[in-house]
C-alpha cells in the first residue's frame, strides 16, 4: 500500500496551519494551490523550504509548485516570484497566464 508511507495518524506535532511548518515536516515534492482564498501564500519562505526539502534528498530533484488559482490576483504566487525565490530551481505551473520570465 503506497498510502502507508504518507499516512498521518492523530494530531500533527507541528502547526498544521503554517505552510512553512507543513513543508518542513511533511517534506512534499509538490505543492498545489487551487482554492484562490490565500493569494501569495506560496511566499519566499515556503518556496525556499521546498528547495531545501529537495536538496536534502539522496537524489535531489526540483520542487514542483502549482499556483492554479484564478484570476492572477488570487494566485498563490507568480512565476517570477517562484523562480526568484528558488534561484530558478522550481518547476512552476499556473492556472493563469503570467508574463515571460528569464531565469538563470
C-alpha atoms as a PDB file:
ATOM      1  CA  UNK A   1       0.000   0.000   0.000  1.00  0.00           C
ATOM      2  CA  UNK A   2       1.667   3.167  -1.209  1.00  0.00           C
ATOM      3  CA  UNK A   3      -0.575   5.237   1.076  1.00  0.00           C
ATOM      4  CA  UNK A   4       1.071   3.884   4.239  1.00  0.00           C
ATOM      5  CA  UNK A   5       4.264   5.830   3.526  1.00  0.00           C
ATOM      6  CA  UNK A   6       2.319   9.107   3.603  1.00  0.00           C
ATOM      7  CA  UNK A   7      -0.419   8.404   6.140  1.00  0.00           C
ATOM      8  CA  UNK A   8      -0.575  10.541   9.278  1.00  0.00           C
ATOM      9  CA  UNK A   9      -2.341   9.280  12.393  1.00  0.00           C
ATOM     10  CA  UNK A  10      -3.609  11.638  15.063  1.00  0.00           C
ATOM     11  CA  UNK A  11      -2.905  15.313  15.558  1.00  0.00           C
ATOM     12  CA  UNK A  12       0.265  16.657  13.952  1.00  0.00           C
ATOM     13  CA  UNK A  13       3.098  17.638  16.288  1.00  0.00           C
ATOM     14  CA  UNK A  14       3.566  20.901  14.338  1.00  0.00           C
ATOM     15  CA  UNK A  15       1.390  23.903  13.468  1.00  0.00           C
ATOM     16  CA  UNK A  16      -0.531  22.484  10.522  1.00  0.00           C
ATOM     17  CA  UNK A  17      -1.951  25.929   9.698  1.00  0.00           C
ATOM     18  CA  UNK A  18       1.551  27.279   8.991  1.00  0.00           C
ATOM     19  CA  UNK A  19       2.503  26.307   5.444  1.00  0.00           C
ATOM     20  CA  UNK A  20       6.248  26.584   6.122  1.00  0.00           C
ATOM     21  CA  UNK A  21       5.897  24.174   9.062  1.00  0.00           C
ATOM     22  CA  UNK A  22       3.843  21.798   6.931  1.00  0.00           C
ATOM     23  CA  UNK A  23       6.561  21.744   4.258  1.00  0.00           C
ATOM     24  CA  UNK A  24       9.313  21.267   6.879  1.00  0.00           C
ATOM     25  CA  UNK A  25       7.511  18.322   8.461  1.00  0.00           C
ATOM     26  CA  UNK A  26       5.735  16.612   5.561  1.00  0.00           C
ATOM     27  CA  UNK A  27       8.564  17.218   3.050  1.00  0.00           C
ATOM     28  CA  UNK A  28       6.424  17.288  -0.094  1.00  0.00           C
ATOM     29  CA  UNK A  29       7.870  17.153  -3.592  1.00  0.00           C
ATOM     30  CA  UNK A  30       4.955  19.216  -4.894  1.00  0.00           C
ATOM     31  CA  UNK A  31       2.609  21.894  -3.576  1.00  0.00           C
ATOM     32  CA  UNK A  32      -0.651  22.717  -5.287  1.00  0.00           C
ATOM     33  CA  UNK A  33      -2.748  25.783  -4.676  1.00  0.00           C
ATOM     34  CA  UNK A  34      -6.203  25.676  -6.178  1.00  0.00           C
ATOM     35  CA  UNK A  35      -8.696  27.407  -3.911  1.00  0.00           C
ATOM     36  CA  UNK A  36      -7.992  31.114  -4.543  1.00  0.00           C
ATOM     37  CA  UNK A  37      -8.518  32.041  -0.901  1.00  0.00           C
ATOM     38  CA  UNK A  38      -4.967  32.857   0.168  1.00  0.00           C
ATOM     39  CA  UNK A  39      -3.207  34.882  -2.530  1.00  0.00           C
ATOM     40  CA  UNK A  40       0.596  34.873  -2.282  1.00  0.00           C
ATOM     41  CA  UNK A  41       0.598  32.072   0.311  1.00  0.00           C
ATOM     42  CA  UNK A  42       3.475  30.390  -1.556  1.00  0.00           C
ATOM     43  CA  UNK A  43       5.820  33.085  -0.269  1.00  0.00           C
ATOM     44  CA  UNK A  44       9.619  33.233  -0.145  1.00  0.00           C
ATOM     45  CA  UNK A  45       9.857  31.100   2.997  1.00  0.00           C
ATOM     46  CA  UNK A  46       7.607  28.378   1.559  1.00  0.00           C
ATOM     47  CA  UNK A  47       9.470  28.210  -1.760  1.00  0.00           C
ATOM     48  CA  UNK A  48      12.872  28.217  -0.039  1.00  0.00           C
ATOM     49  CA  UNK A  49      11.745  25.379   2.231  1.00  0.00           C
ATOM     50  CA  UNK A  50      10.537  23.400  -0.805  1.00  0.00           C
ATOM     51  CA  UNK A  51      14.042  23.781  -2.297  1.00  0.00           C
ATOM     52  CA  UNK A  52      15.653  22.649   0.989  1.00  0.00           C
ATOM     53  CA  UNK A  53      13.444  19.537   1.030  1.00  0.00           C
ATOM     54  CA  UNK A  54      14.716  18.549  -2.415  1.00  0.00           C
ATOM     55  CA  UNK A  55      18.346  19.394  -1.682  1.00  0.00           C
ATOM     56  CA  UNK A  56      18.307  17.173   1.421  1.00  0.00           C
ATOM     57  CA  UNK A  57      17.352  14.070  -0.575  1.00  0.00           C
ATOM     58  CA  UNK A  58      19.815  11.370  -1.556  1.00  0.00           C
ATOM     59  CA  UNK A  59      18.942  12.117  -5.189  1.00  0.00           C
ATOM     60  CA  UNK A  60      17.949  15.793  -5.198  1.00  0.00           C
ATOM     61  CA  UNK A  61      15.272  16.928  -7.597  1.00  0.00           C
ATOM     62  CA  UNK A  62      13.439  20.127  -8.307  1.00  0.00           C
ATOM     63  CA  UNK A  63      10.372  21.158  -6.310  1.00  0.00           C
ATOM     64  CA  UNK A  64       7.064  21.354  -8.160  1.00  0.00           C
ATOM     65  CA  UNK A  65       4.962  24.438  -7.479  1.00  0.00           C
ATOM     66  CA  UNK A  66       1.488  24.709  -8.989  1.00  0.00           C
ATOM     67  CA  UNK A  67      -0.298  28.008  -8.366  1.00  0.00           C
ATOM     68  CA  UNK A  68      -3.559  27.163 -10.098  1.00  0.00           C
ATOM     69  CA  UNK A  69      -5.955  29.755  -8.698  1.00  0.00           C
ATOM     70  CA  UNK A  70      -7.569  32.317 -10.986  1.00  0.00           C
ATOM     71  CA  UNK A  71      -7.533  35.224 -11.607  1.00  0.00           C
ATOM     72  CA  UNK A  72      -3.920  36.373 -11.214  1.00  0.00           C
ATOM     73  CA  UNK A  73      -4.877  38.423  -8.172  1.00  0.00           C
ATOM     74  CA  UNK A  74      -5.788  35.181  -6.369  1.00  0.00           C
ATOM     75  CA  UNK A  75      -2.710  33.169  -7.410  1.00  0.00           C
ATOM     76  CA  UNK A  76      -0.651  31.547  -4.659  1.00  0.00           C
ATOM     77  CA  UNK A  77       2.489  33.048  -6.224  1.00  0.00           C
ATOM     78  CA  UNK A  78       3.667  34.411  -9.532  1.00  0.00           C
ATOM     79  CA  UNK A  79       6.036  32.683 -11.911  1.00  0.00           C
ATOM     80  CA  UNK A  80       8.564  35.455 -11.363  1.00  0.00           C
ATOM     81  CA  UNK A  81       8.471  35.038  -7.584  1.00  0.00           C
ATOM     82  CA  UNK A  82       8.673  31.239  -7.744  1.00  0.00           C
ATOM     83  CA  UNK A  83      11.808  31.379  -9.888  1.00  0.00           C
ATOM     84  CA  UNK A  84      13.324  34.289  -7.940  1.00  0.00           C
ATOM     85  CA  UNK A  85      12.712  32.699  -4.518  1.00  0.00           C
ATOM     86  CA  UNK A  86      14.171  29.359  -5.673  1.00  0.00           C
ATOM     87  CA  UNK A  87      17.051  30.722  -7.751  1.00  0.00           C
ATOM     88  CA  UNK A  88      15.418  29.141 -10.801  1.00  0.00           C
ATOM     89  CA  UNK A  89      15.137  25.661  -9.271  1.00  0.00           C
ATOM     90  CA  UNK A  90      11.361  25.162  -9.164  1.00  0.00           C
ATOM     91  CA  UNK A  91       9.230  23.670 -11.873  1.00  0.00           C
ATOM     92  CA  UNK A  92       6.284  26.081 -11.953  1.00  0.00           C
ATOM     93  CA  UNK A  93       2.798  25.641 -13.327  1.00  0.00           C
ATOM     94  CA  UNK A  94      -0.095  28.050 -13.134  1.00  0.00           C
ATOM     95  CA  UNK A  95      -3.785  28.303 -13.817  1.00  0.00           C
ATOM     96  CA  UNK A  96      -3.388  31.696 -15.424  1.00  0.00           C
ATOM     97  CA  UNK A  97      -1.006  33.286 -17.882  1.00  0.00           C
ATOM     98  CA  UNK A  98       1.944  35.198 -16.478  1.00  0.00           C
ATOM     99  CA  UNK A  99       4.415  37.340 -18.367  1.00  0.00           C
ATOM    100  CA  UNK A 100       7.529  35.508 -19.580  1.00  0.00           C
ATOM    101  CA  UNK A 101      10.318  35.221 -17.001  1.00  0.00           C
ATOM    102  CA  UNK A 102      14.029  34.978 -17.743  1.00  0.00           C
ATOM    103  CA  UNK A 103      15.827  32.652 -15.347  1.00  0.00           C
ATOM    104  CA  UNK A 104      19.486  31.881 -14.863  1.00  0.00           C
END
